Amino acid sequence: DAPGGIFGGIDGPVRAWMSHGDEAEELPEGFGAIAHTRDSRAAAIADESRSVYGIQFHPEVTHTERGADMLGNFALRICGARAEWTMESFVDSQVRKLARIEGGVLCGVSGGVDSTVVAVLLHRAIGGRLRCVLVDNGLLREGEADEAVSLLAGAGIAAERVDASERFLARLEGVADPEEKRLAVGDEFARVFSEAASAGRRCEWLAQGTLYPDVIESGSALGPARTIKSHHNVGGLPGWLGMKTVEPLRDLYKDEVRGVARLLGLPERAISRHPFPGPGLSVRVMGEATRQKVAIARQASAIVEAELASAGLHSSVWQAYAGVGDDRAVAVVGDARLHGRVVTVRIVESTDAMTADWARVPHETLARISTRITNEVEGVALVTYAISSKPPSTIELE
């Protein structure tokens, strides 16, 4: 409705993502409506004299057409910001900042691109004062621990490997609530890192691969956002740990981290690795994370990724895995009746994990995934495919 301001250079109607049901019926003094929809006469408002704007939709998500242009207009034209920030400048500034850290740094690594980038940045900045520890918590993807150690070795970084699988799985016994599982995993990580820090070379700092979406979903410290999910690396460490945190990637999104990884020269297999939640397979298991359900989720997820790779689709989707809960279905195996588990396959497309859409995977690929899971994963009777977007659903099942 207004050709200038945040809508400068944007002609005609655009499709926008509006996930709220409320509507502004009366506008504050000095404000006028500058955008509308069929159901809302004030989808965006402005007091042009003071350069104050209010928006009822989400320009930051990929589903909103020209959303990046709207944000660019606000930042560059209205606020007068300068577009000087680049991935190259980020790497240089972070290495200088990290080099000022005094004392040793313990970095938890997992083989994912986030923790690997943190480790490489720290290695460049502080060299021998860095200790990398990989905690095998029994909740990792198939072959992930070996892959992580190999990846870091290729970057000239030695990683200490701690097998804590039994204690993590024992800690999760009887815990069914998703939030309680996340908090339990986070607390156990802190205990393992504390033991590692006291057993070897003294470390005063704990480095984590926290990203900005983790901060948002855990409840923003900069605004009134509600907690969606607690992330084990957000919200501060327990006081008894006695370590300070360093989070070089806290203000970045996943696609930006991948850009940093390429600048650092990491191999493509690390850069294109699908995101994996900090609590691991415990949040891809609905209900109690029993050993049987964790094993099913691990094996079935490996099949999903392998079949997508075989079909040439792995790099074109954001995330792909299989989860399992307590639902059961009847199947016929040979001449016998099986009352087995129901596995849910989740494959999504996204650019930043803030929003996501379920992937329209060819039926032939889904058929191969289903056949392999029911044939190869013991105790599975039925495979389903999740076709819900984020929002309202989240990418992980829990």
Protein backbone atom coordinates (compact mmCIF):
# COMPACT_ATOMS: atom_id res chain seq x y z
CA ASP A 1 0.00 0.00 0.00
CA ALA A 2 3.06 2.31 0.30
CA PRO A 3 5.69 2.35 -2.46
CA GLY A 4 8.61 3.55 -0.34
CA GLY A 5 10.03 2.74 3.08
CA ILE A 6 10.45 -0.93 3.80
CA PHE A 7 8.60 -1.80 0.59
CA GLY A 8 10.84 0.29 -1.65
CA GLY A 9 11.49 -1.40 -4.99
CA ILE A 10 8.85 -4.07 -4.37
CA ASP A 11 6.06 -3.92 -6.95
CA GLY A 12 2.68 -5.57 -6.70
CA PRO A 13 1.34 -8.02 -4.10
CA VAL A 14 3.66 -10.56 -2.47
CA ARG A 15 2.95 -13.76 -0.59
CA ALA A 16 3.82 -13.46 3.12
CA TRP A 17 3.95 -15.88 6.03
CA MET A 18 1.44 -14.89 8.74
CA SER A 19 1.25 -17.39 11.58
CA HIS A 20 -0.70 -15.18 14.00
CA GLY A 21 -4.47 -15.08 14.36
CA ASP A 22 -4.74 -11.65 16.00
CA GLU A 23 -5.39 -8.36 14.17
CA ALA A 24 -4.75 -4.67 14.86
CA GLU A 25 -8.23 -3.11 14.84
CA GLU A 26 -7.16 0.37 15.94
CA LEU A 27 -3.84 2.02 15.05
CA PRO A 28 -1.81 4.24 17.40
CA GLU A 29 -1.77 7.97 16.78
CA GLY A 30 0.56 8.90 13.95
CA PHE A 31 0.51 5.44 12.35
CA GLY A 32 -1.06 4.40 9.08
CA ALA A 33 -1.50 1.03 7.40
CA ILE A 34 1.09 0.36 4.68
CA ALA A 35 0.17 -3.26 3.84
CA HIS A 36 -2.95 -5.38 4.06
CA THR A 37 -4.20 -8.89 3.40
CA ARG A 38 -7.63 -10.28 2.64
CA ASP A 39 -8.25 -10.78 6.37
CA SER A 40 -6.17 -7.98 7.91
CA ARG A 41 -6.41 -4.32 6.98
CA ALA A 42 -3.18 -3.55 8.86
CA ALA A 43 -0.64 -6.25 8.05
CA ALA A 44 2.05 -3.56 8.35
CA ILE A 45 1.91 -0.07 9.84
CA ALA A 46 4.28 2.90 9.90
CA ASP A 47 4.86 6.32 11.39
CA GLU A 48 7.00 7.58 8.52
CA SER A 49 7.91 10.81 10.32
CA ARG A 50 9.69 8.85 13.05
CA SER A 51 10.72 5.86 10.88
CA VAL A 52 8.85 3.49 13.20
CA TYR A 53 7.35 0.36 11.64
CA GLY A 54 5.20 -2.53 12.82
CA ILE A 55 4.83 -5.77 10.86
CA GLN A 56 2.26 -8.51 11.45
CA PHE A 57 3.92 -11.07 9.15
CA HIS A 58 7.36 -12.71 9.08
CA PRO A 59 9.73 -11.12 6.53
CA GLU A 60 12.64 -13.19 7.82
CA VAL A 61 11.33 -16.57 6.65
CA THR A 62 11.87 -18.02 3.21
CA HIS A 63 8.12 -18.43 2.67
CA THR A 64 7.71 -14.62 2.50
CA GLU A 65 8.44 -13.35 -1.00
CA ARG A 66 10.93 -10.44 -1.09
CA GLY A 67 11.30 -10.65 2.68
CA ALA A 68 15.07 -10.16 2.48
CA ASP A 69 14.50 -7.00 0.41
CA MET A 70 12.16 -5.64 3.08
CA LEU A 71 14.72 -6.24 5.81
CA GLY A 72 17.44 -4.76 3.61
CA ASN A 73 15.37 -1.63 3.04
CA PHE A 74 14.88 -1.22 6.77
CA ALA A 75 18.51 -1.82 7.72
CA LEU A 76 20.23 0.04 4.88
CA ARG A 77 17.81 2.73 3.71
CA ILE A 78 15.93 3.57 6.89
CA CYS A 79 18.48 2.84 9.63
CA GLY A 80 21.51 3.81 7.55
CA ALA A 81 23.48 0.65 8.28
CA ARG A 82 26.41 -0.21 6.01
CA ALA A 83 26.74 -3.64 4.40
CA GLU A 84 30.32 -4.27 5.51
CA TRP A 85 29.87 -7.56 7.36
CA THR A 86 31.19 -10.61 5.48
CA MET A 87 32.13 -14.18 6.36
CA GLU A 88 35.78 -13.24 5.81
CA SER A 89 35.57 -10.37 8.29
CA PHE A 90 33.75 -12.64 10.74
CA VAL A 91 36.56 -15.22 10.66
CA ASP A 92 39.25 -12.57 11.12
CA SER A 93 37.47 -10.85 13.99
CA GLN A 94 36.64 -14.11 15.78
CA VAL A 95 40.21 -15.41 15.58
CA ARG A 96 41.47 -12.10 17.04
CA LYS A 97 38.82 -12.19 19.75
CA LEU A 98 39.48 -15.83 20.68
CA ALA A 99 43.23 -15.21 20.81
CA ARG A 100 42.65 -12.85 23.75
CA ILE A 101 41.26 -15.68 25.89
CA GLU A 102 43.51 -16.47 28.84
CA GLY A 103 43.85 -20.06 29.97
CA GLY A 104 42.84 -23.38 28.47
CA VAL A 105 39.68 -24.06 26.46
CA LEU A 106 37.80 -27.36 26.42
CA CYS A 107 35.79 -27.78 23.22
CA GLY A 108 33.05 -30.39 22.97
CA VAL A 109 33.00 -31.81 19.45
CA SER A 110 30.52 -34.11 17.74
CA GLY A 111 31.50 -34.31 14.07
CA GLY A 112 28.84 -31.80 13.08
CA VAL A 113 29.78 -28.67 11.18
CA ASP A 114 29.05 -26.34 14.14
CA SER A 115 31.42 -27.87 16.68
CA THR A 116 34.03 -28.56 13.99
CA VAL A 117 34.07 -24.90 12.93
CA VAL A 118 34.39 -23.82 16.57
CA ALA A 119 37.32 -26.21 17.05
CA VAL A 120 39.14 -24.99 13.93
CA LEU A 121 38.64 -21.31 14.86
CA LEU A 122 39.98 -21.96 18.36
CA HIS A 123 42.90 -24.00 17.04
CA ARG A 124 43.91 -21.09 14.83
CA ALA A 125 43.55 -18.65 17.70
CA ILE A 126 45.06 -20.41 20.72
CA GLY A 127 46.83 -23.50 19.36
CA GLY A 128 47.98 -25.85 22.11
CA ARG A 129 45.73 -24.31 24.77
CA LEU A 130 42.78 -26.06 23.09
CA ARG A 131 41.54 -29.49 24.19
CA CYS A 132 38.87 -31.16 22.06
CA VAL A 133 36.72 -33.83 23.68
CA LEU A 134 34.24 -36.05 21.87
CA VAL A 135 31.63 -37.51 24.21
CA ASP A 136 30.15 -40.74 22.86
CA ASN A 137 26.86 -40.56 24.73
CA GLY A 138 25.19 -43.53 23.07
CA LEU A 139 22.85 -41.14 21.27
CA LEU A 140 24.95 -40.38 18.18
CA ARG A 141 24.28 -41.29 14.56
CA GLU A 142 25.71 -44.47 13.11
CA GLY A 143 29.51 -44.16 12.78
CA GLU A 144 29.48 -40.55 13.95
CA ALA A 145 32.12 -40.81 16.67
CA ASP A 146 34.71 -42.34 14.33
CA GLU A 147 33.87 -39.79 11.63
CA ALA A 148 34.31 -36.89 14.06
CA VAL A 149 37.76 -38.00 15.23
CA SER A 150 38.86 -38.56 11.63
CA LEU A 151 37.55 -35.17 10.50
CA LEU A 152 39.40 -33.26 13.21
CA ALA A 153 42.58 -35.24 12.60
CA GLY A 154 42.42 -34.08 8.99
CA ALA A 155 42.41 -30.49 10.28
CA GLY A 156 45.44 -31.19 12.47
CA ILE A 157 43.45 -31.37 15.70
CA ALA A 158 43.62 -34.31 18.10
CA ALA A 159 40.37 -35.21 19.86
CA GLU A 160 40.06 -37.10 23.14
CA ARG A 161 37.24 -39.64 23.05
CA VAL A 162 35.16 -40.34 26.15
CA ASP A 163 32.76 -43.30 26.14
CA ALA A 164 29.89 -42.18 28.35
CA SER A 165 27.13 -44.08 26.58
CA GLU A 166 26.09 -46.18 29.57
CA ARG A 167 25.77 -43.25 31.95
CA PHE A 168 23.70 -41.19 29.49
CA LEU A 169 21.33 -44.06 28.70
CA ALA A 170 21.02 -44.85 32.41
CA ARG A 171 20.28 -41.18 33.14
CA LEU A 172 17.42 -41.27 30.63
CA GLU A 173 15.77 -44.39 32.07
CA GLY A 174 12.18 -43.61 33.04
CA VAL A 175 12.31 -40.08 31.56
CA ALA A 176 9.54 -39.59 28.98
CA ASP A 177 8.93 -35.82 28.93
CA PRO A 178 10.80 -34.14 26.02
CA GLU A 179 11.92 -31.13 28.07
CA GLU A 180 13.13 -33.31 30.92
CA LYS A 181 15.12 -35.43 28.46
CA ARG A 182 16.81 -32.35 27.02
CA LEU A 183 17.68 -31.03 30.47
CA ALA A 184 18.97 -34.43 31.61
CA VAL A 185 21.25 -34.74 28.58
CA GLY A 186 22.54 -31.19 29.10
CA ASP A 187 23.29 -31.82 32.76
CA GLU A 188 25.10 -35.08 32.00
CA PHE A 189 27.19 -33.33 29.33
CA ALA A 190 28.21 -30.75 31.93
CA ARG A 191 29.27 -33.50 34.35
CA VAL A 192 31.33 -35.30 31.72
CA PHE A 193 33.04 -32.07 30.65
CA SER A 194 33.77 -31.21 34.29
CA GLU A 195 35.45 -34.58 34.80
CA ALA A 196 37.42 -34.19 31.57
CA ALA A 197 38.56 -30.69 32.54
CA SER A 198 39.83 -31.83 35.94
CA ALA A 199 41.44 -35.04 34.65
CA GLY A 200 43.73 -33.46 32.07
CA ARG A 201 45.31 -30.11 31.35
CA ARG A 202 43.46 -27.38 33.25
CA CYS A 203 40.72 -25.63 31.26
CA GLU A 204 38.89 -22.54 32.45
CA TRP A 205 36.64 -22.25 29.40
CA LEU A 206 34.10 -24.50 27.70
CA ALA A 207 33.54 -23.87 23.97
CA GLN A 208 30.16 -24.71 22.43
CA GLY A 209 28.67 -24.63 18.93
CA THR A 210 25.58 -22.64 19.90
CA LEU A 211 23.76 -21.05 16.95
CA TYR A 212 21.21 -18.24 16.91
CA PRO A 213 18.19 -20.54 16.29
CA ASP A 214 19.19 -22.41 19.48
CA VAL A 215 19.01 -19.13 21.38
CA ILE A 216 15.62 -18.24 19.90
CA GLU A 217 13.98 -21.62 20.57
CA SER A 218 15.32 -21.66 24.13
CA GLY A 219 13.66 -18.30 24.85
CA SER A 220 15.22 -15.06 23.65
CA ALA A 221 17.30 -13.06 26.10
CA LEU A 222 16.61 -9.98 23.96
CA GLY A 223 12.82 -10.05 23.93
CA PRO A 224 9.60 -11.71 25.09
CA ALA A 225 9.94 -14.93 23.07
CA ARG A 226 8.63 -18.01 24.82
CA THR A 227 10.63 -21.18 25.22
CA ILE A 228 9.89 -23.70 22.47
CA LYS A 229 12.61 -26.19 23.35
CA SER A 230 15.52 -25.97 25.76
CA HIS A 231 18.83 -26.50 24.00
CA HIS A 232 21.49 -28.13 26.15
CA ASN A 233 24.05 -25.48 25.17
CA VAL A 234 21.85 -22.45 25.91
CA GLY A 235 20.93 -20.83 29.19
CA GLY A 236 24.18 -20.92 31.08
CA LEU A 237 26.18 -23.69 32.68
CA PRO A 238 25.37 -25.01 36.16
CA GLY A 239 27.17 -23.02 38.83
CA TRP A 240 29.00 -26.07 40.17
CA LEU A 241 30.83 -26.55 36.86
CA GLY A 242 33.14 -23.60 37.48
CA MET A 243 33.81 -22.92 33.78
CA LYS A 244 33.08 -19.95 31.55
CA THR A 245 31.58 -20.35 28.08
CA VAL A 246 32.84 -19.25 24.70
CA GLU A 247 30.34 -19.40 21.82
CA PRO A 248 31.87 -17.99 18.60
CA LEU A 249 28.86 -18.91 16.43
CA ARG A 250 26.09 -17.70 18.72
CA ASP A 251 24.91 -14.99 16.28
CA LEU A 252 25.00 -17.14 13.13
CA TYR A 253 22.52 -19.32 11.27
CA LYS A 254 23.43 -22.73 9.87
CA ASP A 255 23.92 -21.51 6.29
CA GLU A 256 26.35 -18.87 7.56
CA VAL A 257 28.27 -21.48 9.55
CA ARG A 258 28.62 -23.54 6.39
CA GLY A 259 30.02 -20.46 4.66
CA VAL A 260 32.61 -20.13 7.43
CA ALA A 261 33.44 -23.82 7.11
CA ARG A 262 34.21 -23.38 3.41
CA LEU A 263 36.48 -20.42 4.17
CA LEU A 264 38.31 -22.57 6.72
CA GLY A 265 38.87 -25.26 4.09
CA LEU A 266 36.82 -28.03 5.70
CA PRO A 267 35.91 -30.97 3.45
CA GLU A 268 32.51 -30.93 1.76
CA ARG A 269 31.40 -34.07 3.62
CA ALA A 270 31.61 -32.09 6.85
CA ILE A 271 29.99 -28.96 5.44
CA SER A 272 27.00 -30.73 3.90
CA ARG A 273 26.37 -33.00 6.90
CA HIS A 274 22.76 -32.75 8.00
CA PRO A 275 22.08 -30.96 11.30
CA PHE A 276 21.84 -33.17 14.37
CA PRO A 277 20.29 -32.13 17.70
CA GLY A 278 22.46 -31.73 20.78
CA PRO A 279 20.42 -34.26 22.80
CA GLY A 280 20.99 -36.67 19.92
CA LEU A 281 18.66 -39.56 19.26
CA SER A 282 16.88 -39.01 22.58
CA VAL A 283 14.68 -36.38 20.89
CA ARG A 284 14.08 -38.58 17.85
CA VAL A 285 12.60 -41.14 20.23
CA MET A 286 9.17 -40.15 21.51
CA GLY A 287 8.65 -41.11 25.12
CA GLU A 288 11.34 -42.88 27.13
CA ALA A 289 14.62 -43.25 25.23
CA THR A 290 15.05 -46.97 25.77
CA ARG A 291 18.02 -48.78 24.29
CA GLN A 292 15.76 -50.60 21.83
CA LYS A 293 14.10 -47.44 20.54
CA VAL A 294 17.42 -45.59 20.28
CA ALA A 295 18.85 -48.49 18.26
CA ILE A 296 15.82 -48.46 15.94
CA ALA A 297 16.10 -44.69 15.38
CA ARG A 298 19.83 -44.96 14.68
CA GLN A 299 19.58 -47.82 12.18
CA ALA A 300 16.47 -46.48 10.44
CA SER A 301 17.98 -42.99 10.13
CA ALA A 302 21.09 -44.43 8.50
CA ILE A 303 18.85 -46.12 5.93
CA VAL A 304 17.01 -42.85 5.21
CA GLU A 305 20.25 -40.95 4.59
CA ALA A 306 21.76 -43.77 2.52
CA GLU A 307 18.73 -44.00 0.24
CA LEU A 308 18.60 -40.23 -0.25
CA ALA A 309 22.29 -40.26 -1.15
CA SER A 310 21.73 -43.13 -3.59
CA ALA A 311 18.93 -41.13 -5.25
CA GLY A 312 21.07 -37.99 -5.45
CA LEU A 313 18.78 -36.14 -3.04
CA HIS A 314 20.81 -35.96 0.17
CA SER A 315 22.39 -32.56 -0.49
CA SER A 316 19.11 -31.04 -1.71
CA VAL A 317 17.26 -31.47 1.60
CA TRP A 318 17.99 -29.78 4.92
CA GLN A 319 17.52 -32.71 7.24
CA ALA A 320 16.44 -36.33 7.05
CA TYR A 321 16.00 -38.96 9.73
CA ALA A 322 13.70 -41.58 11.20
CA GLY A 323 12.12 -41.41 14.63
CA VAL A 324 10.20 -43.89 16.74
CA GLY A 325 7.73 -43.76 19.60
CA ASP A 326 5.58 -46.12 21.62
CA ASP A 327 2.86 -46.64 19.00
CA ARG A 328 2.64 -50.16 17.65
CA ALA A 329 1.11 -51.80 14.60
CA VAL A 330 0.55 -55.36 13.46
CA ALA A 331 2.64 -56.84 10.64
CA VAL A 332 3.20 -60.27 9.15
CA VAL A 333 6.81 -61.47 9.12
CA GLY A 334 7.09 -64.79 7.34
CA ASP A 335 4.22 -66.77 8.79
CA ALA A 336 4.34 -64.99 12.14
CA ARG A 337 2.45 -62.03 13.56
CA LEU A 338 4.55 -59.03 14.68
CA HIS A 339 3.19 -56.35 16.99
CA GLY A 340 6.01 -53.95 16.21
CA ARG A 341 7.06 -50.32 16.35
CA VAL A 342 5.87 -47.52 14.08
CA VAL A 343 8.75 -45.55 12.54
CA THR A 344 8.22 -41.99 11.30
CA VAL A 345 10.42 -40.71 8.48
CA ARG A 346 11.00 -36.94 8.53
CA ILE A 347 12.63 -35.17 5.56
CA VAL A 348 12.48 -31.37 5.34
CA GLU A 349 13.69 -28.50 3.18
CA SER A 350 14.91 -25.27 4.78
CA THR A 351 17.59 -22.60 4.58
CA ASP A 352 18.02 -21.60 8.22
CA ALA A 353 15.94 -24.03 10.36
CA MET A 354 13.68 -21.20 11.50
CA THR A 355 11.03 -22.49 9.11
CA ALA A 356 10.90 -25.71 7.13
CA ASP A 357 8.69 -27.53 4.66
CA TRP A 358 8.33 -31.28 4.26
CA ALA A 359 10.21 -32.55 1.22
CA ARG A 360 8.28 -33.91 -1.76
CA VAL A 361 10.49 -36.96 -2.15
CA PRO A 362 9.73 -39.26 -5.11
CA HIS A 363 7.47 -42.14 -4.14
CA GLU A 364 10.02 -44.64 -5.45
CA THR A 365 12.61 -43.39 -2.95
CA LEU A 366 10.11 -43.45 -0.08
CA ALA A 367 9.15 -47.00 -1.06
CA ARG A 368 12.78 -48.15 -0.90
CA ILE A 369 13.21 -46.48 2.48
CA SER A 370 10.09 -48.18 3.84
CA THR A 371 11.02 -51.60 2.47
CA ARG A 372 14.54 -51.46 3.85
CA ILE A 373 13.45 -50.29 7.31
CA THR A 374 10.79 -52.98 7.71
CA ASN A 375 13.12 -55.67 6.34
CA GLU A 376 16.36 -54.67 8.06
CA VAL A 377 15.43 -53.02 11.37
CA GLU A 378 14.29 -55.56 13.93
CA GLY A 379 10.94 -54.90 15.58
CA VAL A 380 9.51 -52.42 13.05
CA ALA A 381 6.02 -53.11 11.68
CA LEU A 382 5.05 -49.87 9.93
CA VAL A 383 6.75 -46.83 8.35
CA THR A 384 5.01 -43.44 8.04
CA TYR A 385 6.09 -40.15 6.41
CA ALA A 386 5.67 -36.83 8.23
CA ILE A 387 4.06 -34.15 6.05
CA SER A 388 3.84 -31.22 8.48
CA SER A 389 5.77 -27.98 8.01
CA LYS A 390 7.50 -25.76 10.60
CA PRO A 391 5.55 -23.97 11.94
CA PRO A 392 3.48 -25.42 13.46
CA SER A 393 5.57 -28.59 13.81
CA THR A 394 9.24 -28.49 14.74
CA ILE A 395 11.89 -30.25 12.66
CA GLU A 396 12.73 -32.72 15.42
CA LEU A 397 9.93 -34.88 16.78
CA GLU A 398 10.62 -33.64 20.31
